[in-house]
Amino acid sequence: MGSQIEAASETTQIVIKETTTAGVGYLDDAETRPDCIVTDHDPPEWDCFELLETVPPELPVVLAPGRGSSSLATRGLRAGAETYLDPSTLDDGPAAIVTEIDRIIAERQHSDDRIERFSSIVSHELRSPIQTAKSGLDLAKTECDSHYLDSVAETIDQLEELTDNLVDELKHDEIAVETESVDLEAVIQEAWPDQTTATLSIGSELPTIEAERSRLRQLLDNLFRNSIRHGGDGITVRIGVIESPNSSGPNDHIGLYIADDGPGIEPDRREEIFEYGYTGSTGGTGFGLAIVSEIVEAFDWEITVTESDNGGARFELHEVKEF
């Protein structure tokens, strides 16, 4: 069937793998990762349900068994298959499969184009009035002194943060990174919010690390803003290095901590704070820590939450590579 599908395709590049594990291994390389997978019900080594549990949910899988049934179709679709085809019931099964592949790829591309256009519209149409509002607010502060203006400024900052996070999430369903040597202390200074009376305390001798600078800045910015939002402008945020007892050199197997002296995070909430939409404050967006979690995963790091020495929150980044 594989060679017939390949022969029926004029526009789509078809790659045939003899075993399921070989096909899954093919997904590990970003340069060879396919746009769509076609599988029989019972290919060598794994069945289609084991395959559906393994591949990323955003990667469409066409289930096309040689001998299918309505129960198999129902199970496959419920397990996450994009669509189900039984080639034995079609006049030209391989051609039908190729048509389905082309349809899925075209729909995905159309969806990506719409998201790109929408994110551009959101970026322009929201950021422009936000900047206008901030400029007007600055002028208003020169003419009168009112605590209401501070509340308005805080609301505008929250709206700007939400817009930035929304646009970023629209453009990056899956965060890809290109790492380079980054001066950690310089990025920390860039990420620290300008308009705050909170105090930043940086540990001595911060290393150069391998990371993507813009993503690292975003990660730190979101963690800093989270501490300030929950602890207030009088809070102190400390950042420094955690050295592993098994390290063999000055920059081997060390991590980072970001700790504050705010109200802290209850133990039963320390996992759910990284979920999209979860917020522990009325002014939160539910995006910041979720994006932190995605960046950490893209960097092949791990993040944990504990209590700081002062009873506040302490975020620890572990297994930071090649410090």
C-alpha atoms as a PDB file:
ATOM      1  CA  MET A   1       0.000   0.000   0.000  1.00  0.00           C
ATOM      2  CA  GLY A   2       2.885   2.365   0.812  1.00  0.00           C
ATOM      3  CA  SER A   3       4.320   2.264  -2.697  1.00  0.00           C
ATOM      4  CA  GLN A   4       0.857   2.742  -4.176  1.00  0.00           C
ATOM      5  CA  ILE A   5       0.295   5.845  -2.050  1.00  0.00           C
ATOM      6  CA  GLU A   6       3.686   7.164  -3.088  1.00  0.00           C
ATOM      7  CA  ALA A   7       2.868   6.571  -6.761  1.00  0.00           C
ATOM      8  CA  ALA A   8      -0.497   8.305  -6.416  1.00  0.00           C
ATOM      9  CA  SER A   9       1.039  11.483  -5.023  1.00  0.00           C
ATOM     10  CA  GLU A  10       2.115  14.252  -7.384  1.00  0.00           C
ATOM     11  CA  THR A  11       2.558  17.142  -4.963  1.00  0.00           C
ATOM     12  CA  THR A  12       3.209  15.561  -1.543  1.00  0.00           C
ATOM     13  CA  GLN A  13       6.516  13.984  -0.563  1.00  0.00           C
ATOM     14  CA  ILE A  14       5.797  10.543   0.878  1.00  0.00           C
ATOM     15  CA  VAL A  15       8.281   8.824   3.195  1.00  0.00           C
ATOM     16  CA  ILE A  16       7.669   5.146   3.962  1.00  0.00           C
ATOM     17  CA  LYS A  17       8.987   3.531   7.132  1.00  0.00           C
ATOM     18  CA  GLU A  18       8.827  -0.236   7.528  1.00  0.00           C
ATOM     19  CA  THR A  19       8.290  -0.252  11.302  1.00  0.00           C
ATOM     20  CA  THR A  20       6.409   1.951  13.708  1.00  0.00           C
ATOM     21  CA  THR A  21       9.456   2.653  15.869  1.00  0.00           C
ATOM     22  CA  ALA A  22      11.444   3.741  12.821  1.00  0.00           C
ATOM     23  CA  GLY A  23       8.647   6.088  11.871  1.00  0.00           C
ATOM     24  CA  VAL A  24       8.445   7.569  15.369  1.00  0.00           C
ATOM     25  CA  GLY A  25      12.226   8.004  15.429  1.00  0.00           C
ATOM     26  CA  TYR A  26      11.809  10.012  12.254  1.00  0.00           C
ATOM     27  CA  LEU A  27       9.831  12.588  14.270  1.00  0.00           C
ATOM     28  CA  ASP A  28      12.782  13.472  16.503  1.00  0.00           C
ATOM     29  CA  ASP A  29      14.578  15.427  13.783  1.00  0.00           C
ATOM     30  CA  ALA A  30      13.074  18.877  13.153  1.00  0.00           C
ATOM     31  CA  GLU A  31      14.280  18.765   9.539  1.00  0.00           C
ATOM     32  CA  THR A  32      12.471  15.507   8.748  1.00  0.00           C
ATOM     33  CA  ARG A  33       9.360  15.883  10.896  1.00  0.00           C
ATOM     34  CA  PRO A  34       6.332  15.253   8.646  1.00  0.00           C
ATOM     35  CA  ASP A  35       3.163  17.266   8.247  1.00  0.00           C
ATOM     36  CA  CYS A  36       0.975  14.176   8.512  1.00  0.00           C
ATOM     37  CA  ILE A  37       1.223  10.456   9.411  1.00  0.00           C
ATOM     38  CA  VAL A  38      -0.666   7.597   7.746  1.00  0.00           C
ATOM     39  CA  THR A  39      -0.804   4.281   9.577  1.00  0.00           C
ATOM     40  CA  ASP A  40      -2.469   0.903   9.350  1.00  0.00           C
ATOM     41  CA  HIS A  41      -4.297  -0.506  12.359  1.00  0.00           C
ATOM     42  CA  ASP A  42      -1.581  -3.020  13.223  1.00  0.00           C
ATOM     43  CA  PRO A  43       1.809  -1.985  11.797  1.00  0.00           C
ATOM     44  CA  PRO A  44       4.973  -3.843  12.901  1.00  0.00           C
ATOM     45  CA  GLU A  45       5.930  -3.482  16.593  1.00  0.00           C
ATOM     46  CA  TRP A  46       3.188  -1.074  17.736  1.00  0.00           C
ATOM     47  CA  ASP A  47      -0.496  -0.834  16.932  1.00  0.00           C
ATOM     48  CA  CYS A  48      -2.122   2.442  15.894  1.00  0.00           C
ATOM     49  CA  PHE A  49      -3.295   3.251  19.415  1.00  0.00           C
ATOM     50  CA  GLU A  50       0.230   3.064  20.810  1.00  0.00           C
ATOM     51  CA  LEU A  51       1.298   5.325  17.956  1.00  0.00           C
ATOM     52  CA  LEU A  52      -1.456   7.847  18.753  1.00  0.00           C
ATOM     53  CA  GLU A  53      -0.257   7.958  22.366  1.00  0.00           C
ATOM     54  CA  THR A  54       3.299   8.681  21.219  1.00  0.00           C
ATOM     55  CA  VAL A  55       3.049  11.359  18.535  1.00  0.00           C
ATOM     56  CA  PRO A  56       2.437  15.003  19.497  1.00  0.00           C
ATOM     57  CA  PRO A  57      -1.288  15.846  19.542  1.00  0.00           C
ATOM     58  CA  GLU A  58      -0.798  18.648  17.002  1.00  0.00           C
ATOM     59  CA  LEU A  59       0.532  16.165  14.406  1.00  0.00           C
ATOM     60  CA  PRO A  60      -2.408  14.745  12.381  1.00  0.00           C
ATOM     61  CA  VAL A  61      -2.650  10.974  11.996  1.00  0.00           C
ATOM     62  CA  VAL A  62      -4.716   9.305   9.255  1.00  0.00           C
ATOM     63  CA  LEU A  63      -5.839   5.835  10.258  1.00  0.00           C
ATOM     64  CA  ALA A  64      -6.129   3.705   7.101  1.00  0.00           C
ATOM     65  CA  PRO A  65      -6.395  -0.008   7.974  1.00  0.00           C
ATOM     66  CA  GLY A  66      -6.350  -2.694   5.322  1.00  0.00           C
ATOM     67  CA  ARG A  67      -9.445  -4.267   6.875  1.00  0.00           C
ATOM     68  CA  GLY A  68     -11.393  -1.850   8.988  1.00  0.00           C
ATOM     69  CA  SER A  69     -14.622  -1.761  10.943  1.00  0.00           C
ATOM     70  CA  SER A  70     -16.964   0.797  12.470  1.00  0.00           C
ATOM     71  CA  SER A  71     -15.739  -0.047  15.971  1.00  0.00           C
ATOM     72  CA  LEU A  72     -12.112   0.457  14.921  1.00  0.00           C
ATOM     73  CA  ALA A  73     -13.021   3.783  13.330  1.00  0.00           C
ATOM     74  CA  THR A  74     -14.769   4.924  16.513  1.00  0.00           C
ATOM     75  CA  ARG A  75     -11.864   3.856  18.738  1.00  0.00           C
ATOM     76  CA  GLY A  76      -9.307   5.490  16.448  1.00  0.00           C
ATOM     77  CA  LEU A  77     -11.107   8.824  16.246  1.00  0.00           C
ATOM     78  CA  ARG A  78     -11.649   8.862  20.002  1.00  0.00           C
ATOM     79  CA  ALA A  79      -7.947   8.115  20.515  1.00  0.00           C
ATOM     80  CA  GLY A  80      -7.000  11.215  18.516  1.00  0.00           C
ATOM     81  CA  ALA A  81      -6.805  10.218  14.846  1.00  0.00           C
ATOM     82  CA  GLU A  82      -7.473  13.134  12.508  1.00  0.00           C
ATOM     83  CA  THR A  83      -9.548  10.982  10.159  1.00  0.00           C
ATOM     84  CA  TYR A  84     -10.327   7.380   9.279  1.00  0.00           C
ATOM     85  CA  LEU A  85     -10.288   5.769   5.841  1.00  0.00           C
ATOM     86  CA  ASP A  86     -10.811   2.145   4.841  1.00  0.00           C
ATOM     87  CA  PRO A  87      -8.992   1.781   1.498  1.00  0.00           C
ATOM     88  CA  SER A  88     -10.652  -1.584   0.855  1.00  0.00           C
ATOM     89  CA  THR A  89     -14.045   0.125   0.528  1.00  0.00           C
ATOM     90  CA  LEU A  90     -12.856   2.752  -1.986  1.00  0.00           C
ATOM     91  CA  ASP A  91     -12.388   2.501  -5.745  1.00  0.00           C
ATOM     92  CA  ASP A  92      -8.885   3.954  -5.475  1.00  0.00           C
ATOM     93  CA  GLY A  93      -7.723   3.702  -1.872  1.00  0.00           C
ATOM     94  CA  PRO A  94      -4.196   5.153  -2.350  1.00  0.00           C
ATOM     95  CA  ALA A  95      -5.526   8.169  -4.255  1.00  0.00           C
ATOM     96  CA  ALA A  96      -8.141   8.782  -1.551  1.00  0.00           C
ATOM     97  CA  ILE A  97      -5.435   8.713   1.127  1.00  0.00           C
ATOM     98  CA  VAL A  98      -3.277  11.180  -0.806  1.00  0.00           C
ATOM     99  CA  THR A  99      -6.289  13.472  -1.274  1.00  0.00           C
ATOM    100  CA  GLU A 100      -6.912  13.352   2.467  1.00  0.00           C
ATOM    101  CA  ILE A 101      -3.259  14.134   3.211  1.00  0.00           C
ATOM    102  CA  ASP A 102      -3.331  17.114   0.841  1.00  0.00           C
ATOM    103  CA  ARG A 103      -6.569  18.373   2.434  1.00  0.00           C
ATOM    104  CA  ILE A 104      -5.156  18.174   5.964  1.00  0.00           C
ATOM    105  CA  ILE A 105      -1.925  19.934   5.015  1.00  0.00           C
ATOM    106  CA  ALA A 106      -3.799  22.660   3.115  1.00  0.00           C
ATOM    107  CA  GLU A 107      -6.173  23.255   6.038  1.00  0.00           C
ATOM    108  CA  ARG A 108      -3.274  23.439   8.495  1.00  0.00           C
ATOM    109  CA  GLN A 109      -1.441  25.921   6.273  1.00  0.00           C
ATOM    110  CA  HIS A 110      -4.580  28.023   5.895  1.00  0.00           C
ATOM    111  CA  SER A 111      -5.036  27.978   9.661  1.00  0.00           C
ATOM    112  CA  ASP A 112      -1.404  29.027  10.193  1.00  0.00           C
ATOM    113  CA  ASP A 113      -1.835  31.916   7.721  1.00  0.00           C
ATOM    114  CA  ARG A 114      -5.010  33.084   9.483  1.00  0.00           C
ATOM    115  CA  ILE A 115      -3.273  32.950  12.871  1.00  0.00           C
ATOM    116  CA  GLU A 116      -0.367  34.987  11.493  1.00  0.00           C
ATOM    117  CA  ARG A 117      -2.732  37.624  10.078  1.00  0.00           C
ATOM    118  CA  PHE A 118      -4.794  37.693  13.258  1.00  0.00           C
ATOM    119  CA  SER A 119      -1.733  38.077  15.478  1.00  0.00           C
ATOM    120  CA  SER A 120      -0.528  40.972  13.317  1.00  0.00           C
ATOM    121  CA  ILE A 121      -3.915  42.667  13.618  1.00  0.00           C
ATOM    122  CA  VAL A 122      -4.021  42.116  17.375  1.00  0.00           C
ATOM    123  CA  SER A 123      -0.480  43.409  17.744  1.00  0.00           C
ATOM    124  CA  HIS A 124      -1.152  46.613  15.803  1.00  0.00           C
ATOM    125  CA  GLU A 125      -4.736  47.355  16.807  1.00  0.00           C
ATOM    126  CA  LEU A 126      -4.153  46.816  20.525  1.00  0.00           C
ATOM    127  CA  ARG A 127      -0.612  48.055  21.016  1.00  0.00           C
ATOM    128  CA  SER A 128      -1.205  51.347  19.247  1.00  0.00           C
ATOM    129  CA  PRO A 129      -4.067  52.527  21.527  1.00  0.00           C
ATOM    130  CA  ILE A 130      -2.190  51.200  24.560  1.00  0.00           C
ATOM    131  CA  GLN A 131       0.763  53.447  23.741  1.00  0.00           C
ATOM    132  CA  THR A 132      -1.604  56.360  23.152  1.00  0.00           C
ATOM    133  CA  ALA A 133      -3.244  55.739  26.534  1.00  0.00           C
ATOM    134  CA  LYS A 134       0.143  55.567  28.285  1.00  0.00           C
ATOM    135  CA  SER A 135       1.248  58.835  26.703  1.00  0.00           C
ATOM    136  CA  GLY A 136      -1.995  60.522  27.715  1.00  0.00           C
ATOM    137  CA  LEU A 137      -1.653  59.184  31.232  1.00  0.00           C
ATOM    138  CA  ASP A 138       1.871  60.583  31.531  1.00  0.00           C
ATOM    139  CA  LEU A 139       0.552  64.018  30.517  1.00  0.00           C
ATOM    140  CA  ALA A 140      -2.323  63.736  32.988  1.00  0.00           C
ATOM    141  CA  LYS A 141       0.124  63.031  35.816  1.00  0.00           C
ATOM    142  CA  THR A 142       1.900  66.334  35.119  1.00  0.00           C
ATOM    143  CA  GLU A 143      -1.373  68.227  35.590  1.00  0.00           C
ATOM    144  CA  CYS A 144      -2.870  66.498  38.603  1.00  0.00           C
ATOM    145  CA  ASP A 145      -1.966  64.151  41.439  1.00  0.00           C
ATOM    146  CA  SER A 146      -4.466  61.372  42.001  1.00  0.00           C
ATOM    147  CA  HIS A 147      -4.152  57.774  43.163  1.00  0.00           C
ATOM    148  CA  TYR A 148      -6.738  56.893  40.520  1.00  0.00           C
ATOM    149  CA  LEU A 149      -4.116  57.549  37.852  1.00  0.00           C
ATOM    150  CA  ASP A 150      -1.890  54.897  39.403  1.00  0.00           C
ATOM    151  CA  SER A 151      -4.755  52.412  39.173  1.00  0.00           C
ATOM    152  CA  VAL A 152      -5.268  53.316  35.520  1.00  0.00           C
ATOM    153  CA  ALA A 153      -1.538  52.890  34.856  1.00  0.00           C
ATOM    154  CA  GLU A 154      -1.593  49.457  36.475  1.00  0.00           C
ATOM    155  CA  THR A 155      -4.567  48.426  34.335  1.00  0.00           C
ATOM    156  CA  ILE A 156      -2.834  49.607  31.164  1.00  0.00           C
ATOM    157  CA  ASP A 157       0.310  47.674  32.114  1.00  0.00           C
ATOM    158  CA  GLN A 158      -1.788  44.537  32.618  1.00  0.00           C
ATOM    159  CA  LEU A 159      -3.440  45.039  29.244  1.00  0.00           C
ATOM    160  CA  GLU A 160      -0.049  45.499  27.589  1.00  0.00           C
ATOM    161  CA  GLU A 161       1.266  42.340  29.243  1.00  0.00           C
ATOM    162  CA  LEU A 162      -1.804  40.371  28.172  1.00  0.00           C
ATOM    163  CA  THR A 163      -1.434  41.622  24.591  1.00  0.00           C
ATOM    164  CA  ASP A 164       2.245  40.657  24.466  1.00  0.00           C
ATOM    165  CA  ASN A 165       1.533  37.201  25.840  1.00  0.00           C
ATOM    166  CA  LEU A 166      -1.449  36.684  23.533  1.00  0.00           C
ATOM    167  CA  VAL A 167       0.505  37.616  20.409  1.00  0.00           C
ATOM    168  CA  ASP A 168       3.416  35.466  21.511  1.00  0.00           C
ATOM    169  CA  GLU A 169       1.154  32.473  22.119  1.00  0.00           C
ATOM    170  CA  LEU A 170      -0.559  32.879  18.747  1.00  0.00           C
ATOM    171  CA  LYS A 171       2.764  32.893  16.934  1.00  0.00           C
ATOM    172  CA  HIS A 172       4.394  30.063  18.875  1.00  0.00           C
ATOM    173  CA  ASP A 173       2.221  26.983  19.351  1.00  0.00           C
ATOM    174  CA  GLU A 174       5.447  25.108  20.016  1.00  0.00           C
ATOM    175  CA  ILE A 175       8.422  27.143  21.129  1.00  0.00           C
ATOM    176  CA  ALA A 176      11.580  26.542  19.096  1.00  0.00           C
ATOM    177  CA  VAL A 177      14.861  27.942  20.366  1.00  0.00           C
ATOM    178  CA  GLU A 178      18.311  28.640  18.982  1.00  0.00           C
ATOM    179  CA  THR A 179      20.752  28.905  21.860  1.00  0.00           C
ATOM    180  CA  GLU A 180      23.881  31.006  22.205  1.00  0.00           C
ATOM    181  CA  SER A 181      26.178  32.135  25.011  1.00  0.00           C
ATOM    182  CA  VAL A 182      24.262  34.719  27.031  1.00  0.00           C
ATOM    183  CA  ASP A 183      25.450  37.047  29.808  1.00  0.00           C
ATOM    184  CA  LEU A 184      22.933  36.109  32.495  1.00  0.00           C
ATOM    185  CA  GLU A 185      23.310  39.280  34.579  1.00  0.00           C
ATOM    186  CA  ALA A 186      22.785  41.495  31.515  1.00  0.00           C
ATOM    187  CA  VAL A 187      19.552  39.698  30.631  1.00  0.00           C
ATOM    188  CA  ILE A 188      18.358  39.953  34.242  1.00  0.00           C
ATOM    189  CA  GLN A 189      18.852  43.723  34.153  1.00  0.00           C
ATOM    190  CA  GLU A 190      16.957  43.929  30.859  1.00  0.00           C
ATOM    191  CA  ALA A 191      14.077  41.833  32.204  1.00  0.00           C
ATOM    192  CA  TRP A 192      13.596  43.750  35.471  1.00  0.00           C
ATOM    193  CA  PRO A 193      10.533  46.039  35.123  1.00  0.00           C
ATOM    194  CA  ASP A 194      11.365  49.745  34.894  1.00  0.00           C
ATOM    195  CA  GLN A 195       8.361  51.205  36.675  1.00  0.00           C
ATOM    196  CA  THR A 196       8.510  49.500  40.054  1.00  0.00           C
ATOM    197  CA  THR A 197       9.803  50.310  43.527  1.00  0.00           C
ATOM    198  CA  ALA A 198      10.441  46.625  44.219  1.00  0.00           C
ATOM    199  CA  THR A 199      14.044  45.704  44.950  1.00  0.00           C
ATOM    200  CA  LEU A 200      16.149  43.341  42.844  1.00  0.00           C
ATOM    201  CA  SER A 201      19.031  41.554  44.572  1.00  0.00           C
ATOM    202  CA  ILE A 202      21.456  39.729  42.265  1.00  0.00           C
ATOM    203  CA  GLY A 203      23.846  37.079  43.526  1.00  0.00           C
ATOM    204  CA  SER A 204      27.530  37.509  42.807  1.00  0.00           C
ATOM    205  CA  GLU A 205      29.461  35.893  39.963  1.00  0.00           C
ATOM    206  CA  LEU A 206      26.560  34.983  37.719  1.00  0.00           C
ATOM    207  CA  PRO A 207      27.718  32.796  34.813  1.00  0.00           C
ATOM    208  CA  THR A 208      27.338  32.945  31.073  1.00  0.00           C
ATOM    209  CA  ILE A 209      24.768  30.363  29.989  1.00  0.00           C
ATOM    210  CA  GLU A 210      23.535  28.689  26.819  1.00  0.00           C
ATOM    211  CA  ALA A 211      20.041  29.976  26.053  1.00  0.00           C
ATOM    212  CA  GLU A 212      18.035  32.016  23.577  1.00  0.00           C
ATOM    213  CA  ARG A 213      18.367  35.576  24.822  1.00  0.00           C
ATOM    214  CA  SER A 214      14.865  36.825  23.968  1.00  0.00           C
ATOM    215  CA  ARG A 215      13.178  33.767  25.487  1.00  0.00           C
ATOM    216  CA  LEU A 216      15.319  33.914  28.611  1.00  0.00           C
ATOM    217  CA  ARG A 217      14.415  37.572  29.024  1.00  0.00           C
ATOM    218  CA  GLN A 218      10.724  36.716  28.636  1.00  0.00           C
ATOM    219  CA  LEU A 219      11.015  33.912  31.186  1.00  0.00           C
ATOM    220  CA  LEU A 220      12.659  36.177  33.769  1.00  0.00           C
ATOM    221  CA  ASP A 221      10.329  39.071  33.025  1.00  0.00           C
ATOM    222  CA  ASN A 222       7.275  36.909  33.694  1.00  0.00           C
ATOM    223  CA  LEU A 223       8.736  35.536  36.930  1.00  0.00           C
ATOM    224  CA  PHE A 224       9.671  39.026  38.152  1.00  0.00           C
ATOM    225  CA  ARG A 225       6.236  40.424  37.318  1.00  0.00           C
ATOM    226  CA  ASN A 226       4.565  37.483  39.038  1.00  0.00           C
ATOM    227  CA  SER A 227       6.467  38.205  42.266  1.00  0.00           C
ATOM    228  CA  ILE A 228       5.709  41.941  42.114  1.00  0.00           C
ATOM    229  CA  ARG A 229       2.039  41.391  41.297  1.00  0.00           C
ATOM    230  CA  HIS A 230       1.527  39.174  44.335  1.00  0.00           C
ATOM    231  CA  GLY A 231       3.971  40.834  46.726  1.00  0.00           C
ATOM    232  CA  GLY A 232       3.590  44.502  45.842  1.00  0.00           C
ATOM    233  CA  ASP A 233       6.143  47.187  45.006  1.00  0.00           C
ATOM    234  CA  GLY A 234       7.784  46.847  48.449  1.00  0.00           C
ATOM    235  CA  ILE A 235       8.868  43.278  47.714  1.00  0.00           C
ATOM    236  CA  THR A 236      12.480  42.136  47.343  1.00  0.00           C
ATOM    237  CA  VAL A 237      13.268  39.628  44.594  1.00  0.00           C
ATOM    238  CA  ARG A 238      16.521  37.688  44.796  1.00  0.00           C
ATOM    239  CA  ILE A 239      18.131  35.752  41.963  1.00  0.00           C
ATOM    240  CA  GLY A 240      21.247  33.633  42.123  1.00  0.00           C
ATOM    241  CA  VAL A 241      22.967  30.360  41.363  1.00  0.00           C
ATOM    242  CA  ILE A 242      22.300  26.940  42.885  1.00  0.00           C
ATOM    243  CA  GLU A 243      25.426  24.803  42.694  1.00  0.00           C
ATOM    244  CA  SER A 244      25.087  21.050  42.544  1.00  0.00           C
ATOM    245  CA  PRO A 245      27.075  19.099  45.141  1.00  0.00           C
ATOM    246  CA  ASN A 246      28.140  16.803  42.286  1.00  0.00           C
ATOM    247  CA  SER A 247      29.584  19.575  40.153  1.00  0.00           C
ATOM    248  CA  SER A 248      33.133  19.020  38.988  1.00  0.00           C
ATOM    249  CA  GLY A 249      33.806  22.562  37.814  1.00  0.00           C
ATOM    250  CA  PRO A 250      32.665  26.130  38.448  1.00  0.00           C
ATOM    251  CA  ASN A 251      29.980  26.053  35.743  1.00  0.00           C
ATOM    252  CA  ASP A 252      28.972  22.373  35.839  1.00  0.00           C
ATOM    253  CA  HIS A 253      25.428  21.314  36.726  1.00  0.00           C
ATOM    254  CA  ILE A 254      24.208  24.441  38.422  1.00  0.00           C
ATOM    255  CA  GLY A 255      20.773  25.990  38.403  1.00  0.00           C
ATOM    256  CA  LEU A 256      19.070  29.267  39.158  1.00  0.00           C
ATOM    257  CA  TYR A 257      16.684  30.440  41.830  1.00  0.00           C
ATOM    258  CA  ILE A 258      14.305  33.400  41.822  1.00  0.00           C
ATOM    259  CA  ALA A 259      12.984  34.020  45.343  1.00  0.00           C
ATOM    260  CA  ASP A 260      10.889  36.740  46.946  1.00  0.00           C
ATOM    261  CA  ASP A 261       9.611  37.741  50.380  1.00  0.00           C
ATOM    262  CA  GLY A 262       5.962  37.939  49.332  1.00  0.00           C
ATOM    263  CA  PRO A 263       3.007  35.845  50.523  1.00  0.00           C
ATOM    264  CA  GLY A 264       4.300  32.627  48.929  1.00  0.00           C
ATOM    265  CA  ILE A 265       2.397  29.894  47.113  1.00  0.00           C
ATOM    266  CA  GLU A 266       0.467  27.152  48.903  1.00  0.00           C
ATOM    267  CA  PRO A 267       1.898  23.654  48.283  1.00  0.00           C
ATOM    268  CA  ASP A 268      -1.336  22.368  46.702  1.00  0.00           C
ATOM    269  CA  ARG A 269      -1.229  25.168  44.102  1.00  0.00           C
ATOM    270  CA  ARG A 270       2.394  24.840  43.029  1.00  0.00           C
ATOM    271  CA  GLU A 271       1.646  22.691  39.990  1.00  0.00           C
ATOM    272  CA  GLU A 272      -1.544  24.306  38.748  1.00  0.00           C
ATOM    273  CA  ILE A 273      -0.014  27.804  38.661  1.00  0.00           C
ATOM    274  CA  PHE A 274       1.676  26.793  35.388  1.00  0.00           C
ATOM    275  CA  GLU A 275      -1.627  25.932  33.679  1.00  0.00           C
ATOM    276  CA  TYR A 276      -3.044  28.297  31.064  1.00  0.00           C
ATOM    277  CA  GLY A 277      -5.838  30.437  32.436  1.00  0.00           C
ATOM    278  CA  TYR A 278      -4.972  29.876  36.093  1.00  0.00           C
ATOM    279  CA  THR A 279      -4.405  33.026  38.109  1.00  0.00           C
ATOM    280  CA  GLY A 280      -4.158  33.634  41.812  1.00  0.00           C
ATOM    281  CA  SER A 281      -4.998  37.347  41.636  1.00  0.00           C
ATOM    282  CA  THR A 282      -7.764  39.506  40.206  1.00  0.00           C
ATOM    283  CA  GLY A 283      -5.277  41.340  37.984  1.00  0.00           C
ATOM    284  CA  GLY A 284      -3.567  38.234  36.622  1.00  0.00           C
ATOM    285  CA  THR A 285      -3.875  37.110  32.995  1.00  0.00           C
ATOM    286  CA  GLY A 286      -3.284  33.385  33.458  1.00  0.00           C
ATOM    287  CA  PHE A 287      -0.628  33.435  30.729  1.00  0.00           C
ATOM    288  CA  GLY A 288       2.649  34.479  32.372  1.00  0.00           C
ATOM    289  CA  LEU A 289       3.667  31.351  34.300  1.00  0.00           C
ATOM    290  CA  ALA A 290       2.212  29.066  31.615  1.00  0.00           C
ATOM    291  CA  ILE A 291       4.565  30.674  29.086  1.00  0.00           C
ATOM    292  CA  VAL A 292       7.418  30.331  31.595  1.00  0.00           C
ATOM    293  CA  SER A 293       6.696  26.598  31.739  1.00  0.00           C
ATOM    294  CA  GLU A 294       6.799  26.297  27.935  1.00  0.00           C
ATOM    295  CA  ILE A 295      10.098  28.168  27.668  1.00  0.00           C
ATOM    296  CA  VAL A 296      11.611  26.010  30.402  1.00  0.00           C
ATOM    297  CA  GLU A 297      10.550  22.895  28.500  1.00  0.00           C
ATOM    298  CA  ALA A 298      11.965  24.266  25.237  1.00  0.00           C
ATOM    299  CA  PHE A 299      15.302  24.880  26.984  1.00  0.00           C
ATOM    300  CA  ASP A 300      15.290  21.308  28.363  1.00  0.00           C
ATOM    301  CA  TRP A 301      15.185  22.718  31.867  1.00  0.00           C
ATOM    302  CA  GLU A 302      12.905  21.895  34.775  1.00  0.00           C
ATOM    303  CA  ILE A 303      11.179  24.354  37.106  1.00  0.00           C
ATOM    304  CA  THR A 304      10.032  23.708  40.649  1.00  0.00           C
ATOM    305  CA  VAL A 305       8.363  25.913  43.258  1.00  0.00           C
ATOM    306  CA  THR A 306       9.235  25.917  46.940  1.00  0.00           C
ATOM    307  CA  GLU A 307       9.133  28.343  49.857  1.00  0.00           C
ATOM    308  CA  SER A 308      11.825  31.005  50.131  1.00  0.00           C
ATOM    309  CA  ASP A 309      13.827  31.650  53.300  1.00  0.00           C
ATOM    310  CA  ASN A 310      11.553  34.650  53.964  1.00  0.00           C
ATOM    311  CA  GLY A 311       8.318  32.698  53.509  1.00  0.00           C
ATOM    312  CA  GLY A 312       7.694  33.863  49.957  1.00  0.00           C
ATOM    313  CA  ALA A 313       7.855  31.987  46.658  1.00  0.00           C
ATOM    314  CA  ARG A 314      11.064  30.446  45.349  1.00  0.00           C
ATOM    315  CA  PHE A 315      11.278  29.241  41.740  1.00  0.00           C
ATOM    316  CA  GLU A 316      14.180  26.928  40.960  1.00  0.00           C
ATOM    317  CA  LEU A 317      15.428  26.167  37.451  1.00  0.00           C
ATOM    318  CA  HIS A 318      17.229  22.836  37.405  1.00  0.00           C
ATOM    319  CA  GLU A 319      19.372  20.943  34.923  1.00  0.00           C
ATOM    320  CA  VAL A 320      20.395  24.092  33.115  1.00  0.00           C
ATOM    321  CA  LYS A 321      22.640  22.876  30.298  1.00  0.00           C
ATOM    322  CA  GLU A 322      26.244  23.873  29.749  1.00  0.00           C
ATOM    323  CA  PHE A 323      26.586  26.614  32.332  1.00  0.00           C
END
